[in-house]
N, C-alpha and C. Protein backbone atom coordinates (compact mmCIF):
# COMPACT_ATOMS: atom_id res chain seq x y z
N GLN A 1 -22.01 -43.34 -34.57
CA GLN A 1 -21.84 -41.69 -34.65
C GLN A 1 -19.99 -42.34 -35.57
N LEU A 2 -19.53 -41.06 -36.53
CA LEU A 2 -18.41 -41.17 -37.38
C LEU A 2 -17.59 -41.01 -36.66
N GLN A 3 -16.73 -41.61 -36.61
CA GLN A 3 -15.33 -41.03 -35.54
C GLN A 3 -14.20 -40.53 -36.48
N ALA A 4 -13.38 -40.09 -36.84
CA ALA A 4 -12.30 -39.28 -37.63
C ALA A 4 -11.10 -38.91 -36.88
N SER A 5 -10.36 -39.75 -37.38
CA SER A 5 -8.85 -39.56 -37.24
C SER A 5 -7.75 -39.44 -37.99
N GLY A 6 -6.49 -39.34 -37.35
CA GLY A 6 -5.40 -38.89 -38.19
C GLY A 6 -4.87 -37.32 -38.83
N GLY A 7 -5.59 -36.70 -38.09
CA GLY A 7 -5.26 -34.94 -38.04
C GLY A 7 -3.55 -35.19 -37.11
N GLY A 8 -2.98 -33.79 -37.60
CA GLY A 8 -1.57 -33.45 -36.89
C GLY A 8 -1.43 -32.38 -37.72
N LEU A 9 -0.08 -31.95 -36.95
CA LEU A 9 0.60 -30.95 -37.08
C LEU A 9 1.88 -31.48 -38.46
N VAL A 10 1.69 -30.53 -39.18
CA VAL A 10 2.83 -31.24 -40.32
C VAL A 10 3.20 -29.83 -40.97
N GLN A 11 4.70 -29.99 -42.07
CA GLN A 11 4.95 -28.62 -42.66
C GLN A 11 3.85 -28.68 -43.95
N SER A 12 4.62 -27.60 -44.09
CA SER A 12 3.73 -26.69 -45.87
C SER A 12 4.52 -28.21 -46.88
N GLY A 13 3.76 -28.74 -47.55
CA GLY A 13 4.16 -29.52 -49.04
C GLY A 13 4.27 -30.86 -48.18
N GLY A 14 3.95 -31.28 -46.56
CA GLY A 14 3.65 -32.48 -46.16
C GLY A 14 2.93 -33.16 -46.67
N SER A 15 2.38 -34.10 -46.03
CA SER A 15 1.07 -35.29 -46.07
C SER A 15 0.33 -36.15 -44.81
N LEU A 16 -0.57 -36.00 -45.20
CA LEU A 16 -1.73 -36.26 -43.84
C LEU A 16 -2.91 -37.64 -44.04
N ARG A 17 -3.04 -37.97 -43.86
CA ARG A 17 -4.27 -39.55 -43.93
C ARG A 17 -5.12 -39.28 -42.59
N LEU A 18 -6.07 -38.60 -42.95
CA LEU A 18 -7.51 -38.49 -42.55
C LEU A 18 -8.45 -40.22 -42.73
N SER A 19 -9.01 -40.51 -41.44
CA SER A 19 -9.74 -42.07 -41.10
C SER A 19 -10.87 -41.84 -40.81
N CYS A 20 -12.17 -42.19 -41.18
CA CYS A 20 -13.71 -42.19 -40.63
C CYS A 20 -13.89 -43.68 -40.75
N LYS A 21 -14.60 -43.83 -39.22
CA LYS A 21 -14.97 -45.17 -38.42
C LYS A 21 -15.96 -44.65 -38.14
N PRO A 22 -17.74 -45.52 -38.44
CA PRO A 22 -18.27 -45.72 -37.46
C PRO A 22 -17.93 -46.05 -36.10
N SER A 23 -18.81 -45.63 -34.77
CA SER A 23 -18.45 -46.61 -33.54
C SER A 23 -19.48 -47.62 -33.90
N GLU A 24 -20.29 -47.99 -34.61
CA GLU A 24 -21.40 -48.52 -34.91
C GLU A 24 -21.95 -48.60 -35.90
N GLY A 25 -22.47 -50.00 -36.48
CA GLY A 25 -23.07 -49.89 -37.90
C GLY A 25 -21.86 -49.88 -38.89
N THR A 26 -22.79 -49.62 -40.10
CA THR A 26 -22.14 -49.70 -41.17
C THR A 26 -22.00 -48.54 -42.51
N LEU A 27 -21.04 -48.74 -42.96
CA LEU A 27 -21.28 -47.05 -43.87
C LEU A 27 -21.93 -47.90 -45.67
N HIS A 28 -22.44 -48.41 -45.38
CA HIS A 28 -22.92 -49.43 -47.09
C HIS A 28 -24.21 -48.48 -47.26
N TYR A 29 -23.71 -48.39 -48.66
CA TYR A 29 -25.23 -47.29 -48.88
C TYR A 29 -25.22 -46.10 -48.66
N TRP A 30 -24.17 -45.24 -48.43
CA TRP A 30 -24.11 -44.12 -47.11
C TRP A 30 -22.93 -43.30 -48.50
N TYR A 31 -22.93 -42.17 -48.87
CA TYR A 31 -22.26 -41.37 -49.58
C TYR A 31 -21.52 -40.65 -48.58
N MET A 32 -20.41 -40.88 -48.58
CA MET A 32 -19.39 -40.37 -47.48
C MET A 32 -18.22 -39.12 -48.37
N GLY A 33 -18.54 -38.38 -47.77
CA GLY A 33 -17.62 -37.02 -47.50
C GLY A 33 -16.50 -36.20 -46.35
N TRP A 34 -16.02 -35.50 -46.46
CA TRP A 34 -14.85 -34.54 -45.51
C TRP A 34 -15.28 -33.36 -45.90
N ILE A 35 -15.78 -32.43 -44.78
CA ILE A 35 -16.31 -31.27 -44.92
C ILE A 35 -14.94 -30.28 -43.99
N ARG A 36 -14.62 -29.31 -44.24
CA ARG A 36 -13.20 -28.64 -43.09
C ARG A 36 -13.90 -27.27 -42.64
N GLN A 37 -13.64 -26.81 -41.72
CA GLN A 37 -13.95 -25.37 -40.80
C GLN A 37 -12.59 -24.61 -40.60
N ALA A 38 -11.85 -23.70 -41.11
CA ALA A 38 -10.92 -23.11 -40.54
C ALA A 38 -11.48 -22.17 -39.72
N PRO A 39 -10.63 -21.47 -39.03
CA PRO A 39 -10.92 -20.48 -37.94
C PRO A 39 -11.18 -19.63 -38.47
N GLY A 40 -12.35 -18.87 -38.13
CA GLY A 40 -12.84 -17.59 -38.76
C GLY A 40 -13.65 -17.88 -39.39
N LYS A 41 -13.73 -18.85 -40.16
CA LYS A 41 -14.23 -18.84 -42.24
C LYS A 41 -15.36 -20.10 -41.86
N GLU A 42 -16.15 -19.64 -43.04
CA GLU A 42 -17.37 -20.49 -42.96
C GLU A 42 -16.90 -22.41 -43.24
N ARG A 43 -17.83 -23.04 -42.80
CA ARG A 43 -17.67 -24.80 -43.74
C ARG A 43 -17.11 -24.54 -44.88
N GLU A 44 -16.63 -25.71 -45.46
CA GLU A 44 -16.19 -25.79 -46.71
C GLU A 44 -15.94 -27.16 -47.35
N PHE A 45 -17.03 -27.62 -48.54
CA PHE A 45 -16.91 -29.16 -48.73
C PHE A 45 -15.20 -28.94 -48.86
N VAL A 46 -14.98 -30.53 -48.99
CA VAL A 46 -13.79 -31.07 -49.44
C VAL A 46 -13.59 -31.56 -50.36
N ALA A 47 -14.44 -33.30 -50.03
CA ALA A 47 -14.20 -34.34 -51.23
C ALA A 47 -15.62 -34.96 -51.08
N GLY A 48 -16.41 -35.85 -51.43
CA GLY A 48 -17.22 -37.09 -51.67
C GLY A 48 -17.24 -38.28 -52.28
N VAL A 49 -17.40 -39.60 -51.75
CA VAL A 49 -17.25 -40.87 -52.25
C VAL A 49 -18.43 -41.14 -52.56
N SER A 50 -19.20 -41.95 -53.57
CA SER A 50 -20.47 -42.48 -53.68
C SER A 50 -20.35 -43.77 -53.48
N TRP A 51 -21.48 -44.24 -52.83
CA TRP A 51 -21.35 -46.19 -52.45
C TRP A 51 -21.37 -46.79 -53.92
N PRO A 52 -20.60 -47.77 -54.17
CA PRO A 52 -19.63 -48.66 -53.36
C PRO A 52 -18.12 -47.54 -54.00
N GLY A 53 -18.03 -46.68 -54.29
CA GLY A 53 -17.01 -45.84 -54.34
C GLY A 53 -16.36 -45.42 -56.12
N THR A 54 -17.57 -45.66 -56.64
CA THR A 54 -17.24 -44.88 -58.40
C THR A 54 -16.92 -43.66 -58.44
N ARG A 55 -17.79 -43.44 -57.73
CA ARG A 55 -17.89 -41.58 -57.75
C ARG A 55 -17.04 -40.51 -56.92
N LYS A 56 -16.64 -39.91 -56.92
CA LYS A 56 -15.82 -38.81 -56.51
C LYS A 56 -15.90 -37.80 -56.92
N ASN A 57 -15.95 -36.36 -56.63
CA ASN A 57 -15.99 -35.28 -56.37
C ASN A 57 -14.87 -34.69 -55.17
N TYR A 58 -14.34 -33.45 -56.05
CA TYR A 58 -13.67 -32.79 -54.89
C TYR A 58 -13.92 -31.10 -55.22
N ALA A 59 -13.30 -30.20 -54.10
CA ALA A 59 -13.35 -28.98 -54.09
C ALA A 59 -12.40 -28.68 -55.22
N LYS A 60 -12.43 -27.26 -55.79
CA LYS A 60 -11.31 -27.26 -56.77
C LYS A 60 -10.16 -26.98 -56.08
N SER A 61 -10.12 -26.00 -54.70
CA SER A 61 -8.78 -25.92 -53.79
C SER A 61 -8.07 -27.18 -53.38
N VAL A 62 -9.04 -28.82 -53.68
CA VAL A 62 -8.17 -29.69 -53.41
C VAL A 62 -7.95 -30.25 -54.04
N LYS A 63 -8.93 -30.42 -55.75
CA LYS A 63 -8.56 -31.45 -56.41
C LYS A 63 -6.68 -31.57 -57.38
N GLY A 64 -6.28 -32.61 -57.27
CA GLY A 64 -5.04 -32.88 -57.58
C GLY A 64 -4.16 -32.94 -56.26
N ARG A 65 -4.59 -32.98 -55.20
CA ARG A 65 -4.08 -32.93 -53.86
C ARG A 65 -4.61 -33.74 -52.88
N PHE A 66 -5.75 -34.13 -53.25
CA PHE A 66 -6.36 -35.06 -51.84
C PHE A 66 -7.11 -36.01 -52.71
N THR A 67 -7.17 -37.16 -52.20
CA THR A 67 -7.71 -38.37 -52.56
C THR A 67 -8.91 -39.05 -51.20
N ILE A 68 -9.83 -39.04 -51.83
CA ILE A 68 -10.81 -39.61 -50.93
C ILE A 68 -10.60 -41.18 -51.30
N SER A 69 -11.31 -42.73 -50.36
CA SER A 69 -11.40 -43.68 -50.86
C SER A 69 -12.23 -44.07 -49.85
N ARG A 70 -12.33 -45.03 -49.80
CA ARG A 70 -13.23 -46.27 -49.03
C ARG A 70 -13.14 -47.54 -49.34
N ASP A 71 -12.75 -48.46 -47.63
CA ASP A 71 -12.70 -49.50 -47.92
C ASP A 71 -13.99 -50.17 -47.45
N ASN A 72 -14.83 -50.69 -48.52
CA ASN A 72 -16.08 -51.17 -47.90
C ASN A 72 -15.89 -52.60 -47.06
N ILE A 73 -14.69 -53.04 -47.25
CA ILE A 73 -14.63 -54.52 -46.08
C ILE A 73 -14.30 -53.57 -44.63
N GLU A 74 -13.09 -52.82 -44.61
CA GLU A 74 -12.98 -52.33 -43.41
C GLU A 74 -13.68 -51.45 -42.66
N ASN A 75 -14.82 -51.05 -43.69
CA ASN A 75 -15.57 -50.20 -43.48
C ASN A 75 -15.57 -48.84 -42.56
N THR A 76 -14.38 -48.29 -43.97
CA THR A 76 -13.85 -47.12 -43.51
C THR A 76 -13.84 -46.21 -44.33
N VAL A 77 -13.19 -44.81 -44.34
CA VAL A 77 -13.29 -43.60 -45.47
C VAL A 77 -12.23 -43.00 -45.30
N ASP A 78 -11.08 -42.69 -45.97
CA ASP A 78 -10.30 -42.26 -45.39
C ASP A 78 -10.16 -40.56 -46.88
N LEU A 79 -9.07 -39.57 -46.13
CA LEU A 79 -8.82 -38.60 -47.27
C LEU A 79 -7.02 -38.99 -47.04
N GLN A 80 -6.21 -38.93 -48.25
CA GLN A 80 -5.24 -38.56 -48.46
C GLN A 80 -4.72 -37.22 -48.81
N MET A 81 -4.08 -36.81 -48.01
CA MET A 81 -3.58 -35.04 -48.54
C MET A 81 -2.65 -35.02 -48.61
N ASN A 82 -1.87 -34.61 -50.25
CA ASN A 82 -0.62 -34.25 -49.94
C ASN A 82 -0.79 -33.13 -50.62
N SER A 83 1.30 -32.56 -50.45
CA SER A 83 1.28 -31.34 -50.78
C SER A 83 0.38 -29.88 -50.36
N LEU A 84 0.36 -30.21 -48.67
CA LEU A 84 -0.38 -29.90 -47.94
C LEU A 84 0.18 -28.01 -47.75
N LYS A 85 -0.64 -27.35 -47.53
CA LYS A 85 -0.39 -25.99 -47.53
C LYS A 85 -1.25 -25.44 -46.04
N PRO A 86 -0.81 -23.89 -45.81
CA PRO A 86 -1.29 -23.30 -44.71
C PRO A 86 -2.66 -23.13 -45.08
N GLU A 87 -2.96 -23.02 -46.10
CA GLU A 87 -4.72 -22.76 -45.86
C GLU A 87 -5.22 -23.99 -45.68
N ASP A 88 -4.79 -24.88 -46.02
CA ASP A 88 -5.41 -26.13 -45.50
C ASP A 88 -5.86 -26.60 -44.39
N THR A 89 -4.90 -25.90 -43.19
CA THR A 89 -5.25 -25.71 -41.84
C THR A 89 -6.80 -25.61 -41.58
N ALA A 90 -7.07 -26.70 -40.35
CA ALA A 90 -9.08 -26.12 -40.41
C ALA A 90 -8.96 -27.59 -39.48
N ILE A 91 -10.04 -27.34 -39.28
CA ILE A 91 -10.57 -28.98 -38.66
C ILE A 91 -11.54 -29.46 -39.23
N TYR A 92 -11.35 -30.84 -39.81
CA TYR A 92 -12.15 -31.80 -40.97
C TYR A 92 -12.88 -32.88 -39.97
N TYR A 93 -13.83 -32.86 -40.59
CA TYR A 93 -14.81 -33.63 -40.49
C TYR A 93 -15.56 -34.57 -41.71
N CYS A 94 -16.23 -35.93 -40.65
CA CYS A 94 -16.06 -36.82 -41.55
C CYS A 94 -17.39 -36.93 -41.86
N VAL A 95 -18.18 -36.78 -42.96
CA VAL A 95 -19.86 -36.56 -43.00
C VAL A 95 -20.34 -37.78 -43.63
N ALA A 96 -22.23 -37.98 -43.59
CA ALA A 96 -22.38 -39.15 -44.65
C ALA A 96 -24.00 -38.40 -44.89
N ASP A 97 -24.49 -39.13 -46.22
CA ASP A 97 -25.67 -38.69 -46.84
C ASP A 97 -26.30 -39.93 -47.47
N ARG A 98 -27.45 -39.47 -47.51
CA ARG A 98 -28.21 -41.00 -49.00
C ARG A 98 -27.77 -40.44 -49.95
N THR A 99 -27.47 -39.38 -50.14
CA THR A 99 -27.22 -38.74 -51.50
C THR A 99 -26.02 -37.25 -51.69
N GLU A 100 -25.33 -37.50 -53.30
CA GLU A 100 -24.34 -36.51 -53.26
C GLU A 100 -23.95 -35.98 -52.41
N ILE A 101 -22.60 -35.54 -51.80
CA ILE A 101 -22.18 -34.90 -51.07
C ILE A 101 -21.39 -33.78 -51.82
N ALA A 102 -22.38 -32.31 -52.24
CA ALA A 102 -20.88 -31.33 -53.21
C ALA A 102 -20.66 -30.28 -52.12
N SER A 103 -21.66 -30.00 -51.23
CA SER A 103 -21.84 -29.02 -49.95
C SER A 103 -21.58 -29.38 -48.70
N THR A 104 -21.77 -28.08 -47.56
CA THR A 104 -21.47 -28.45 -46.54
C THR A 104 -23.17 -28.73 -45.86
N ARG A 105 -24.41 -28.83 -46.79
CA ARG A 105 -25.75 -29.17 -46.89
C ARG A 105 -26.13 -31.01 -46.35
N VAL A 106 -25.14 -31.48 -45.44
CA VAL A 106 -25.37 -32.84 -44.93
C VAL A 106 -25.90 -32.87 -43.64
N PRO A 107 -26.72 -34.27 -43.32
CA PRO A 107 -27.48 -33.94 -42.22
C PRO A 107 -26.64 -34.96 -40.93
N PHE A 108 -25.65 -35.54 -41.39
CA PHE A 108 -25.18 -36.55 -40.97
C PHE A 108 -23.51 -35.73 -40.07
N TRP A 109 -22.69 -35.62 -39.32
CA TRP A 109 -21.86 -35.14 -38.96
C TRP A 109 -20.82 -36.18 -37.90
N GLY A 110 -19.44 -36.37 -38.06
CA GLY A 110 -19.31 -36.76 -37.02
C GLY A 110 -18.55 -36.08 -36.31
N GLN A 111 -17.19 -36.28 -35.63
CA GLN A 111 -16.65 -35.25 -34.44
C GLN A 111 -15.05 -35.11 -35.44
N GLY A 112 -14.69 -33.76 -35.51
CA GLY A 112 -13.51 -33.34 -36.37
C GLY A 112 -12.10 -33.98 -35.72
N THR A 113 -11.26 -33.53 -36.36
CA THR A 113 -9.89 -33.72 -36.46
C THR A 113 -9.17 -32.89 -36.86
N GLN A 114 -8.68 -32.24 -36.18
CA GLN A 114 -7.49 -31.05 -36.06
C GLN A 114 -6.47 -31.44 -37.27
N VAL A 115 -6.02 -30.36 -38.17
CA VAL A 115 -4.91 -30.31 -39.33
C VAL A 115 -4.42 -28.91 -39.52
N THR A 116 -3.16 -29.34 -38.86
CA THR A 116 -2.07 -28.31 -38.82
C THR A 116 -1.61 -28.10 -39.69
N VAL A 117 -1.21 -26.97 -40.83
CA VAL A 117 -0.46 -26.70 -42.18
C VAL A 117 1.01 -25.92 -41.62
N SER A 118 2.14 -26.10 -40.81
CA SER A 118 3.39 -25.21 -40.46
C SER A 118 3.58 -24.77 -41.91
N SER A 119 3.93 -23.21 -41.82
CA SER A 119 4.98 -22.63 -43.35
C SER A 119 5.95 -22.76 -42.70
């Protein structure tokens, strides 16, 4: 099971760093990503990173502000979120697939972590 942490309440323009770690097993050879869902809205792909981390892809709405990374020794995947906006408010889910993640069609989901950005 994928466990996400690091969410919280932050003011507009602030930063947060989310982290994802499996409760057991390894993230090796998995394409990892983050997907978010805001209240009353559909799920939205945020970012993805290949194994071992050479390829990264982002949604247009976060490109230049968010950075996805993975630590293959610590077995974690992080999402550094800078210049946060109120529209970034959502539950963020860590996800995994055997192929590139670029949409919300992903087979494996972890628990979410709430990110709230106040104006």
